[in-house]
Amino acid sequence: IMSVQNRCDTTAIQMAEHEGKTDTARVLTEYQQRALIEYQQRAERLQ
């Protein structure tokens, strides 16, 4: 869901940054990073 782009090819993180919502952008980035780490760890365990 965080990779979804709107008609202007903008993601939720990019929209928060564009609107100057720095706290929200930071939280979204943290969620994204944690999710990517968890995904990678799960992929490694499966391998």
All heavy atoms as atom14 arrays in JSON, in Angstrom:
{
  "sequence": "IMSVQNRCDTTAIQMAEHEGKTDTARVLTEYQQRALIEYQQRAERLQ",
  "atom14_mask": [
    [1, 1, 1, 1, 1, 1, 1, 1, 0, 0, 0, 0, 0, 0],
    [1, 1, 1, 1, 1, 1, 1, 1, 0, 0, 0, 0, 0, 0],
    [1, 1, 1, 1, 1, 1, 0, 0, 0, 0, 0, 0, 0, 0],
    [1, 1, 1, 1, 1, 1, 1, 0, 0, 0, 0, 0, 0, 0],
    [1, 1, 1, 1, 1, 1, 1, 1, 1, 0, 0, 0, 0, 0],
    [1, 1, 1, 1, 1, 1, 1, 1, 0, 0, 0, 0, 0, 0],
    [1, 1, 1, 1, 1, 1, 1, 1, 1, 1, 1, 0, 0, 0],
    [1, 1, 1, 1, 1, 1, 0, 0, 0, 0, 0, 0, 0, 0],
    [1, 1, 1, 1, 1, 1, 1, 1, 0, 0, 0, 0, 0, 0],
    [1, 1, 1, 1, 1, 1, 1, 0, 0, 0, 0, 0, 0, 0],
    [1, 1, 1, 1, 1, 1, 1, 0, 0, 0, 0, 0, 0, 0],
    [1, 1, 1, 1, 1, 0, 0, 0, 0, 0, 0, 0, 0, 0],
    [1, 1, 1, 1, 1, 1, 1, 1, 0, 0, 0, 0, 0, 0],
    [1, 1, 1, 1, 1, 1, 1, 1, 1, 0, 0, 0, 0, 0],
    [1, 1, 1, 1, 1, 1, 1, 1, 0, 0, 0, 0, 0, 0],
    [1, 1, 1, 1, 1, 0, 0, 0, 0, 0, 0, 0, 0, 0],
    [1, 1, 1, 1, 1, 1, 1, 1, 1, 0, 0, 0, 0, 0],
    [1, 1, 1, 1, 1, 1, 1, 1, 1, 1, 0, 0, 0, 0],
    [1, 1, 1, 1, 1, 1, 1, 1, 1, 0, 0, 0, 0, 0],
    [1, 1, 1, 1, 0, 0, 0, 0, 0, 0, 0, 0, 0, 0],
    [1, 1, 1, 1, 1, 1, 1, 1, 1, 0, 0, 0, 0, 0],
    [1, 1, 1, 1, 1, 1, 1, 0, 0, 0, 0, 0, 0, 0],
    [1, 1, 1, 1, 1, 1, 1, 1, 0, 0, 0, 0, 0, 0],
    [1, 1, 1, 1, 1, 1, 1, 0, 0, 0, 0, 0, 0, 0],
    [1, 1, 1, 1, 1, 0, 0, 0, 0, 0, 0, 0, 0, 0],
    [1, 1, 1, 1, 1, 1, 1, 1, 1, 1, 1, 0, 0, 0],
    [1, 1, 1, 1, 1, 1, 1, 0, 0, 0, 0, 0, 0, 0],
    [1, 1, 1, 1, 1, 1, 1, 1, 0, 0, 0, 0, 0, 0],
    [1, 1, 1, 1, 1, 1, 1, 0, 0, 0, 0, 0, 0, 0],
    [1, 1, 1, 1, 1, 1, 1, 1, 1, 0, 0, 0, 0, 0],
    [1, 1, 1, 1, 1, 1, 1, 1, 1, 1, 1, 1, 0, 0],
    [1, 1, 1, 1, 1, 1, 1, 1, 1, 0, 0, 0, 0, 0],
    [1, 1, 1, 1, 1, 1, 1, 1, 1, 0, 0, 0, 0, 0],
    [1, 1, 1, 1, 1, 1, 1, 1, 1, 1, 1, 0, 0, 0],
    [1, 1, 1, 1, 1, 0, 0, 0, 0, 0, 0, 0, 0, 0],
    [1, 1, 1, 1, 1, 1, 1, 1, 0, 0, 0, 0, 0, 0],
    [1, 1, 1, 1, 1, 1, 1, 1, 0, 0, 0, 0, 0, 0],
    [1, 1, 1, 1, 1, 1, 1, 1, 1, 0, 0, 0, 0, 0],
    [1, 1, 1, 1, 1, 1, 1, 1, 1, 1, 1, 1, 0, 0],
    [1, 1, 1, 1, 1, 1, 1, 1, 1, 0, 0, 0, 0, 0],
    [1, 1, 1, 1, 1, 1, 1, 1, 1, 0, 0, 0, 0, 0],
    [1, 1, 1, 1, 1, 1, 1, 1, 1, 1, 1, 0, 0, 0],
    [1, 1, 1, 1, 1, 0, 0, 0, 0, 0, 0, 0, 0, 0],
    [1, 1, 1, 1, 1, 1, 1, 1, 1, 0, 0, 0, 0, 0],
    [1, 1, 1, 1, 1, 1, 1, 1, 1, 1, 1, 0, 0, 0],
    [1, 1, 1, 1, 1, 1, 1, 1, 0, 0, 0, 0, 0, 0],
    [1, 1, 1, 1, 1, 1, 1, 1, 1, 0, 0, 0, 0, 0]
  ],
  "atom14_positions": [
    [[0.82, -1.21, 0.0], [0.0, 0.0, 0.0], [0.86, 1.26, 0.0], [0.47, 2.29, -0.57], [-0.99, 0.0, 1.19], [-2.08, 1.06, 0.96], [-0.28, 0.23, 2.51], [-3.22, 0.97, 1.94], [0.0, 0.0, 0.0], [0.0, 0.0, 0.0], [0.0, 0.0, 0.0], [0.0, 0.0, 0.0], [0.0, 0.0, 0.0], [0.0, 0.0, 0.0]],
    [[2.05, 1.18, 0.61], [2.92, 2.36, 0.6], [3.6, 2.6, -0.74], [4.14, 3.67, -0.99], [3.96, 2.25, 1.72], [3.41, 2.57, 3.08], [4.67, 2.74, 4.38], [4.96, 1.02, 4.77], [0.0, 0.0, 0.0], [0.0, 0.0, 0.0], [0.0, 0.0, 0.0], [0.0, 0.0, 0.0], [0.0, 0.0, 0.0], [0.0, 0.0, 0.0]],
    [[3.56, 1.58, -1.61], [4.16, 1.73, -2.95], [3.14, 2.22, -3.98], [3.52, 2.52, -5.12], [4.76, 0.4, -3.41], [3.74, -0.56, -3.61], [0.0, 0.0, 0.0], [0.0, 0.0, 0.0], [0.0, 0.0, 0.0], [0.0, 0.0, 0.0], [0.0, 0.0, 0.0], [0.0, 0.0, 0.0], [0.0, 0.0, 0.0], [0.0, 0.0, 0.0]],
    [[1.86, 2.29, -3.59], [0.82, 2.74, -4.53], [1.05, 4.2, -4.89], [1.31, 5.04, -4.02], [-0.58, 2.57, -3.91], [-1.64, 3.19, -4.81], [-0.87, 1.1, -3.68], [0.0, 0.0, 0.0], [0.0, 0.0, 0.0], [0.0, 0.0, 0.0], [0.0, 0.0, 0.0], [0.0, 0.0, 0.0], [0.0, 0.0, 0.0], [0.0, 0.0, 0.0]],
    [[0.94, 4.51, -6.19], [1.09, 5.88, -6.66], [-0.25, 6.4, -7.16], [-1.03, 5.66, -7.77], [2.12, 5.95, -7.78], [3.53, 5.56, -7.35], [4.51, 5.6, -8.5], [4.16, 5.36, -9.64], [5.77, 5.92, -8.19], [0.0, 0.0, 0.0], [0.0, 0.0, 0.0], [0.0, 0.0, 0.0], [0.0, 0.0, 0.0], [0.0, 0.0, 0.0]],
    [[-0.5, 7.68, -6.93], [-1.74, 8.28, -7.44], [-1.54, 8.7, -8.89], [-0.55, 8.33, -9.53], [-2.16, 9.47, -6.57], [-1.19, 10.64, -6.7], [-0.14, 10.53, -7.33], [-1.54, 11.76, -6.09], [0.0, 0.0, 0.0], [0.0, 0.0, 0.0], [0.0, 0.0, 0.0], [0.0, 0.0, 0.0], [0.0, 0.0, 0.0], [0.0, 0.0, 0.0]],
    [[-2.47, 9.47, -9.42], [-2.4, 9.86, -10.84], [-1.17, 10.71, -11.15], [-0.76, 10.82, -12.3], [-3.67, 10.62, -11.23], [-4.93, 9.77, -11.18], [-6.15, 10.57, -11.64], [-7.37, 9.79, -11.54], [-8.12, 9.72, -10.46], [-7.78, 10.41, -9.37], [-9.22, 8.98, -10.44], [0.0, 0.0, 0.0], [0.0, 0.0, 0.0], [0.0, 0.0, 0.0]],
    [[-0.62, 11.33, -10.12], [0.58, 12.16, -10.29], [1.86, 11.37, -9.98], [2.93, 11.97, -9.78], [0.5, 13.39, -9.4], [-0.89, 14.47, -9.76], [0.0, 0.0, 0.0], [0.0, 0.0, 0.0], [0.0, 0.0, 0.0], [0.0, 0.0, 0.0], [0.0, 0.0, 0.0], [0.0, 0.0, 0.0], [0.0, 0.0, 0.0], [0.0, 0.0, 0.0]],
    [[1.73, 10.05, -9.92], [2.88, 9.17, -9.64], [3.53, 9.5, -8.29], [4.76, 9.47, -8.14], [3.92, 9.25, -10.75], [3.38, 8.8, -12.1], [2.52, 7.9, -12.1], [3.8, 9.35, -13.13], [0.0, 0.0, 0.0], [0.0, 0.0, 0.0], [0.0, 0.0, 0.0], [0.0, 0.0, 0.0], [0.0, 0.0, 0.0], [0.0, 0.0, 0.0]],
    [[2.68, 9.8, -7.29], [3.16, 10.16, -5.96], [2.71, 9.14, -4.94], [1.53, 8.76, -4.92], [2.62, 11.55, -5.55], [2.96, 12.51, -6.57], [3.2, 12.0, -4.23], [0.0, 0.0, 0.0], [0.0, 0.0, 0.0], [0.0, 0.0, 0.0], [0.0, 0.0, 0.0], [0.0, 0.0, 0.0], [0.0, 0.0, 0.0], [0.0, 0.0, 0.0]],
    [[3.61, 8.68, -4.1], [3.27, 7.75, -3.03], [2.81, 8.53, -1.79], [2.93, 9.75, -1.74], [4.47, 6.87, -2.66], [5.49, 7.72, -2.1], [5.02, 6.13, -3.87], [0.0, 0.0, 0.0], [0.0, 0.0, 0.0], [0.0, 0.0, 0.0], [0.0, 0.0, 0.0], [0.0, 0.0, 0.0], [0.0, 0.0, 0.0], [0.0, 0.0, 0.0]],
    [[2.33, 7.8, -0.8], [1.87, 8.44, 0.44], [3.03, 9.17, 1.13], [2.85, 10.29, 1.65], [1.27, 7.4, 1.37], [0.0, 0.0, 0.0], [0.0, 0.0, 0.0], [0.0, 0.0, 0.0], [0.0, 0.0, 0.0], [0.0, 0.0, 0.0], [0.0, 0.0, 0.0], [0.0, 0.0, 0.0], [0.0, 0.0, 0.0], [0.0, 0.0, 0.0]],
    [[4.22, 8.56, 1.15], [5.38, 9.2, 1.77], [5.73, 10.49, 1.03], [5.97, 11.54, 1.64], [6.59, 8.25, 1.78], [6.33, 7.05, 2.69], [7.85, 8.99, 2.25], [7.43, 6.01, 2.68], [0.0, 0.0, 0.0], [0.0, 0.0, 0.0], [0.0, 0.0, 0.0], [0.0, 0.0, 0.0], [0.0, 0.0, 0.0], [0.0, 0.0, 0.0]],
    [[5.74, 10.42, -0.28], [6.07, 11.6, -1.08], [5.05, 12.71, -0.89], [5.39, 13.89, -0.87], [6.18, 11.21, -2.56], [7.38, 10.33, -2.87], [7.33, 9.73, -4.25], [6.27, 9.59, -4.85], [8.5, 9.38, -4.78], [0.0, 0.0, 0.0], [0.0, 0.0, 0.0], [0.0, 0.0, 0.0], [0.0, 0.0, 0.0], [0.0, 0.0, 0.0]],
    [[3.78, 12.32, -0.74], [2.73, 13.32, -0.54], [2.91, 14.01, 0.81], [2.77, 15.24, 0.91], [1.36, 12.64, -0.59], [0.2, 13.62, -0.46], [0.19, 14.84, -1.79], [-1.28, 15.77, -1.36], [0.0, 0.0, 0.0], [0.0, 0.0, 0.0], [0.0, 0.0, 0.0], [0.0, 0.0, 0.0], [0.0, 0.0, 0.0], [0.0, 0.0, 0.0]],
    [[3.22, 13.25, 1.85], [3.44, 13.84, 3.17], [4.63, 14.81, 3.13], [4.58, 15.9, 3.71], [3.68, 12.74, 4.2], [0.0, 0.0, 0.0], [0.0, 0.0, 0.0], [0.0, 0.0, 0.0], [0.0, 0.0, 0.0], [0.0, 0.0, 0.0], [0.0, 0.0, 0.0], [0.0, 0.0, 0.0], [0.0, 0.0, 0.0], [0.0, 0.0, 0.0]],
    [[5.69, 14.42, 2.43], [6.86, 15.29, 2.31], [6.52, 16.56, 1.53], [6.93, 17.66, 1.91], [8.0, 14.53, 1.62], [8.59, 13.4, 2.47], [9.56, 12.54, 1.71], [9.54, 12.55, 0.46], [10.35, 11.83, 2.35], [0.0, 0.0, 0.0], [0.0, 0.0, 0.0], [0.0, 0.0, 0.0], [0.0, 0.0, 0.0], [0.0, 0.0, 0.0]],
    [[5.78, 16.39, 0.45], [5.4, 17.53, -0.4], [4.56, 18.53, 0.38], [4.7, 19.76, 0.19], [4.62, 17.04, -1.61], [4.12, 18.14, -2.5], [4.96, 18.87, -3.32], [2.87, 18.67, -2.66], [4.26, 19.78, -3.96], [2.99, 19.69, -3.59], [0.0, 0.0, 0.0], [0.0, 0.0, 0.0], [0.0, 0.0, 0.0], [0.0, 0.0, 0.0]],
    [[3.68, 18.04, 1.27], [2.8, 18.91, 2.04], [3.47, 19.42, 3.32], [2.84, 20.13, 4.11], [1.51, 18.17, 2.4], [0.65, 17.82, 1.2], [0.14, 19.05, 0.48], [-0.15, 20.06, 1.17], [0.02, 19.02, -0.77], [0.0, 0.0, 0.0], [0.0, 0.0, 0.0], [0.0, 0.0, 0.0], [0.0, 0.0, 0.0], [0.0, 0.0, 0.0]],
    [[4.72, 19.06, 3.52], [5.44, 19.53, 4.7], [5.05, 18.84, 5.99], [5.31, 19.36, 7.08], [0.0, 0.0, 0.0], [0.0, 0.0, 0.0], [0.0, 0.0, 0.0], [0.0, 0.0, 0.0], [0.0, 0.0, 0.0], [0.0, 0.0, 0.0], [0.0, 0.0, 0.0], [0.0, 0.0, 0.0], [0.0, 0.0, 0.0], [0.0, 0.0, 0.0]],
    [[4.45, 17.64, 5.89], [4.05, 16.88, 7.08], [5.21, 15.96, 7.47], [5.19, 14.75, 7.26], [2.78, 16.07, 6.8], [1.64, 16.88, 6.17], [1.21, 18.04, 7.06], [0.03, 18.8, 6.44], [-0.37, 19.95, 7.27], [0.0, 0.0, 0.0], [0.0, 0.0, 0.0], [0.0, 0.0, 0.0], [0.0, 0.0, 0.0], [0.0, 0.0, 0.0]],
    [[6.24, 16.57, 8.04], [7.48, 15.85, 8.28], [7.33, 14.71, 9.29], [7.96, 13.65, 9.11], [8.57, 16.83, 8.78], [8.06, 17.55, 9.92], [8.93, 17.83, 7.7], [0.0, 0.0, 0.0], [0.0, 0.0, 0.0], [0.0, 0.0, 0.0], [0.0, 0.0, 0.0], [0.0, 0.0, 0.0], [0.0, 0.0, 0.0], [0.0, 0.0, 0.0]],
    [[6.55, 14.9, 10.33], [6.36, 13.83, 11.32], [5.68, 12.62, 10.69], [6.05, 11.47, 10.94], [5.54, 14.34, 12.5], [6.34, 15.28, 13.41], [7.58, 15.29, 13.29], [5.72, 16.0, 14.21], [0.0, 0.0, 0.0], [0.0, 0.0, 0.0], [0.0, 0.0, 0.0], [0.0, 0.0, 0.0], [0.0, 0.0, 0.0], [0.0, 0.0, 0.0]],
    [[4.66, 12.9, 9.88], [3.94, 11.81, 9.21], [4.84, 11.09, 8.22], [4.83, 9.86, 8.13], [2.7, 12.36, 8.48], [1.88, 13.08, 9.42], [1.87, 11.23, 7.88], [0.0, 0.0, 0.0], [0.0, 0.0, 0.0], [0.0, 0.0, 0.0], [0.0, 0.0, 0.0], [0.0, 0.0, 0.0], [0.0, 0.0, 0.0], [0.0, 0.0, 0.0]],
    [[5.62, 11.86, 7.47], [6.56, 11.26, 6.51], [7.58, 10.39, 7.23], [7.93, 9.3, 6.75], [7.26, 12.36, 5.71], [0.0, 0.0, 0.0], [0.0, 0.0, 0.0], [0.0, 0.0, 0.0], [0.0, 0.0, 0.0], [0.0, 0.0, 0.0], [0.0, 0.0, 0.0], [0.0, 0.0, 0.0], [0.0, 0.0, 0.0], [0.0, 0.0, 0.0]],
    [[8.04, 10.85, 8.39], [9.01, 10.07, 9.16], [8.41, 8.76, 9.64], [9.04, 7.69, 9.54], [9.49, 10.89, 10.37], [10.42, 10.14, 11.31], [10.8, 10.98, 12.51], [9.64, 11.52, 13.2], [8.88, 10.81, 14.04], [9.16, 9.52, 14.27], [7.84, 11.36, 14.64], [0.0, 0.0, 0.0], [0.0, 0.0, 0.0], [0.0, 0.0, 0.0]],
    [[7.17, 8.81, 10.14], [6.49, 7.6, 10.61], [6.28, 6.62, 9.46], [6.52, 5.41, 9.6], [5.14, 7.96, 11.27], [4.29, 6.71, 11.48], [5.37, 8.67, 12.59], [0.0, 0.0, 0.0], [0.0, 0.0, 0.0], [0.0, 0.0, 0.0], [0.0, 0.0, 0.0], [0.0, 0.0, 0.0], [0.0, 0.0, 0.0], [0.0, 0.0, 0.0]],
    [[5.86, 7.11, 8.32], [5.66, 6.25, 7.14], [6.98, 5.59, 6.73], [7.01, 4.39, 6.41], [5.11, 7.07, 5.98], [3.61, 7.36, 6.01], [3.26, 8.51, 5.08], [2.81, 6.12, 5.63], [0.0, 0.0, 0.0], [0.0, 0.0, 0.0], [0.0, 0.0, 0.0], [0.0, 0.0, 0.0], [0.0, 0.0, 0.0], [0.0, 0.0, 0.0]],
    [[8.04, 6.37, 6.75], [9.36, 5.82, 6.38], [9.8, 4.74, 7.36], [10.34, 3.7, 6.96], [10.41, 6.95, 6.34], [10.0, 7.94, 5.38], [11.77, 6.42, 5.93], [0.0, 0.0, 0.0], [0.0, 0.0, 0.0], [0.0, 0.0, 0.0], [0.0, 0.0, 0.0], [0.0, 0.0, 0.0], [0.0, 0.0, 0.0], [0.0, 0.0, 0.0]],
    [[9.56, 4.97, 8.65], [9.91, 3.97, 9.66], [9.13, 2.68, 9.46], [9.69, 1.58, 9.56], [9.64, 4.54, 11.06], [10.61, 5.64, 11.47], [10.22, 6.31, 12.78], [9.12, 5.97, 13.31], [10.97, 7.16, 13.28], [0.0, 0.0, 0.0], [0.0, 0.0, 0.0], [0.0, 0.0, 0.0], [0.0, 0.0, 0.0], [0.0, 0.0, 0.0]],
    [[7.83, 2.8, 9.19], [7.01, 1.61, 8.92], [7.54, 0.88, 7.69], [7.62, -0.35, 7.68], [5.55, 2.01, 8.7], [4.7, 1.98, 9.93], [4.63, 3.09, 10.77], [3.93, 0.86, 10.27], [3.83, 3.08, 11.92], [3.14, 0.84, 11.4], [3.09, 1.96, 12.22], [2.31, 1.93, 13.35], [0.0, 0.0, 0.0], [0.0, 0.0, 0.0]],
    [[7.86, 1.63, 6.66], [8.35, 1.02, 5.43], [9.66, 0.27, 5.66], [9.84, -0.86, 5.18], [8.54, 2.1, 4.36], [8.9, 1.54, 2.98], [9.07, 2.66, 1.97], [9.87, 3.57, 2.17], [8.33, 2.6, 0.87], [0.0, 0.0, 0.0], [0.0, 0.0, 0.0], [0.0, 0.0, 0.0], [0.0, 0.0, 0.0], [0.0, 0.0, 0.0]],
    [[10.56, 0.88, 6.39], [11.85, 0.24, 6.67], [11.68, -1.03, 7.49], [12.31, -2.06, 7.2], [12.77, 1.24, 7.39], [13.25, 2.38, 6.51], [14.01, 3.44, 7.28], [13.96, 3.49, 8.52], [14.71, 4.3, 6.57], [0.0, 0.0, 0.0], [0.0, 0.0, 0.0], [0.0, 0.0, 0.0], [0.0, 0.0, 0.0], [0.0, 0.0, 0.0]],
    [[10.83, -0.97, 8.53], [10.58, -2.16, 9.35], [9.94, -3.28, 8.52], [10.29, -4.46, 8.66], [9.68, -1.81, 10.54], [10.39, -1.05, 11.65], [9.59, -1.13, 12.94], [8.27, -0.54, 12.79], [7.98, 0.73, 13.07], [8.94, 1.54, 13.49], [6.75, 1.19, 12.94], [0.0, 0.0, 0.0], [0.0, 0.0, 0.0], [0.0, 0.0, 0.0]],
    [[9.0, -2.89, 7.68], [8.31, -3.89, 6.84], [9.29, -4.54, 5.87], [9.24, -5.76, 5.66], [7.16, -3.23, 6.08], [0.0, 0.0, 0.0], [0.0, 0.0, 0.0], [0.0, 0.0, 0.0], [0.0, 0.0, 0.0], [0.0, 0.0, 0.0], [0.0, 0.0, 0.0], [0.0, 0.0, 0.0], [0.0, 0.0, 0.0], [0.0, 0.0, 0.0]],
    [[10.18, -3.76, 5.29], [11.17, -4.3, 4.35], [12.13, -5.24, 5.05], [12.49, -6.29, 4.51], [11.94, -3.16, 3.67], [11.16, -2.36, 2.62], [11.92, -1.1, 2.23], [10.86, -3.22, 1.4], [0.0, 0.0, 0.0], [0.0, 0.0, 0.0], [0.0, 0.0, 0.0], [0.0, 0.0, 0.0], [0.0, 0.0, 0.0], [0.0, 0.0, 0.0]],
    [[12.55, -4.88, 6.27], [13.44, -5.75, 7.05], [12.75, -7.07, 7.37], [13.33, -8.15, 7.24], [13.9, -5.04, 8.34], [14.84, -3.88, 7.99], [14.58, -6.02, 9.29], [15.19, -3.0, 9.18], [0.0, 0.0, 0.0], [0.0, 0.0, 0.0], [0.0, 0.0, 0.0], [0.0, 0.0, 0.0], [0.0, 0.0, 0.0], [0.0, 0.0, 0.0]],
    [[11.49, -6.97, 7.83], [10.74, -8.18, 8.17], [10.54, -9.06, 6.94], [10.67, -10.29, 7.01], [9.37, -7.79, 8.75], [8.55, -8.98, 9.21], [7.23, -8.59, 9.84], [7.13, -7.44, 10.34], [6.3, -9.42, 9.82], [0.0, 0.0, 0.0], [0.0, 0.0, 0.0], [0.0, 0.0, 0.0], [0.0, 0.0, 0.0], [0.0, 0.0, 0.0]],
    [[10.25, -8.43, 5.81], [10.07, -9.18, 4.56], [11.36, -9.9, 4.18], [11.35, -11.08, 3.8], [9.64, -8.23, 3.45], [9.51, -8.88, 2.1], [8.36, -9.58, 1.74], [10.55, -8.79, 1.17], [8.25, -10.18, 0.49], [10.45, -9.39, -0.08], [9.3, -10.08, -0.41], [9.19, -10.67, -1.64], [0.0, 0.0, 0.0], [0.0, 0.0, 0.0]],
    [[12.49, -9.18, 4.29], [13.79, -9.78, 3.94], [14.14, -10.93, 4.88], [14.62, -11.98, 4.44], [14.88, -8.71, 3.97], [16.24, -9.22, 3.53], [17.28, -8.11, 3.51], [16.99, -6.97, 3.83], [18.5, -8.46, 3.12], [0.0, 0.0, 0.0], [0.0, 0.0, 0.0], [0.0, 0.0, 0.0], [0.0, 0.0, 0.0], [0.0, 0.0, 0.0]],
    [[13.89, -10.73, 6.17], [14.2, -11.78, 7.15], [13.34, -13.02, 6.89], [13.83, -14.15, 7.0], [13.96, -11.25, 8.56], [14.98, -10.23, 9.01], [14.65, -9.63, 10.37], [13.5, -9.67, 10.82], [15.65, -9.07, 11.03], [0.0, 0.0, 0.0], [0.0, 0.0, 0.0], [0.0, 0.0, 0.0], [0.0, 0.0, 0.0], [0.0, 0.0, 0.0]],
    [[12.09, -12.81, 6.56], [11.21, -13.95, 6.28], [11.65, -14.68, 5.02], [11.61, -15.92, 4.96], [9.76, -13.47, 6.15], [8.76, -14.62, 6.07], [7.34, -14.17, 6.27], [6.93, -13.2, 5.27], [6.72, -11.91, 5.51], [6.93, -11.41, 6.72], [6.33, -11.1, 4.56], [0.0, 0.0, 0.0], [0.0, 0.0, 0.0], [0.0, 0.0, 0.0]],
    [[12.09, -13.93, 4.03], [12.57, -14.54, 2.79], [13.83, -15.36, 3.05], [14.0, -16.46, 2.5], [12.85, -13.46, 1.76], [0.0, 0.0, 0.0], [0.0, 0.0, 0.0], [0.0, 0.0, 0.0], [0.0, 0.0, 0.0], [0.0, 0.0, 0.0], [0.0, 0.0, 0.0], [0.0, 0.0, 0.0], [0.0, 0.0, 0.0], [0.0, 0.0, 0.0]],
    [[14.71, -14.85, 3.91], [15.95, -15.58, 4.25], [15.63, -16.86, 5.02], [16.26, -17.9, 4.79], [16.87, -14.67, 5.07], [17.48, -13.54, 4.26], [18.27, -12.56, 5.12], [18.23, -12.71, 6.37], [18.91, -11.66, 4.57], [0.0, 0.0, 0.0], [0.0, 0.0, 0.0], [0.0, 0.0, 0.0], [0.0, 0.0, 0.0], [0.0, 0.0, 0.0]],
    [[14.66, -16.77, 5.96], [14.26, -17.97, 6.71], [13.68, -19.02, 5.78], [13.97, -20.22, 5.91], [13.25, -17.6, 7.79], [13.85, -16.87, 8.98], [12.88, -16.87, 10.16], [11.62, -16.22, 9.84], [11.38, -14.93, 10.04], [12.33, -14.14, 10.53], [10.2, -14.41, 9.74], [0.0, 0.0, 0.0], [0.0, 0.0, 0.0], [0.0, 0.0, 0.0]],
    [[12.87, -18.58, 4.85], [12.27, -19.51, 3.89], [13.33, -20.17, 3.03], [13.28, -21.38, 2.77], [11.26, -18.77, 3.01], [10.55, -19.6, 1.94], [9.75, -20.73, 2.58], [9.62, -18.73, 1.1], [0.0, 0.0, 0.0], [0.0, 0.0, 0.0], [0.0, 0.0, 0.0], [0.0, 0.0, 0.0], [0.0, 0.0, 0.0], [0.0, 0.0, 0.0]],
    [[14.33, -19.39, 2.61], [15.4, -19.94, 1.79], [16.2, -20.98, 2.57], [16.56, -22.04, 2.03], [16.32, -18.81, 1.32], [17.42, -19.29, 0.37], [18.28, -18.14, -0.12], [18.12, -17.01, 0.3], [19.2, -18.43, -1.01], [0.0, 0.0, 0.0], [0.0, 0.0, 0.0], [0.0, 0.0, 0.0], [0.0, 0.0, 0.0], [0.0, 0.0, 0.0]]
  ]
}
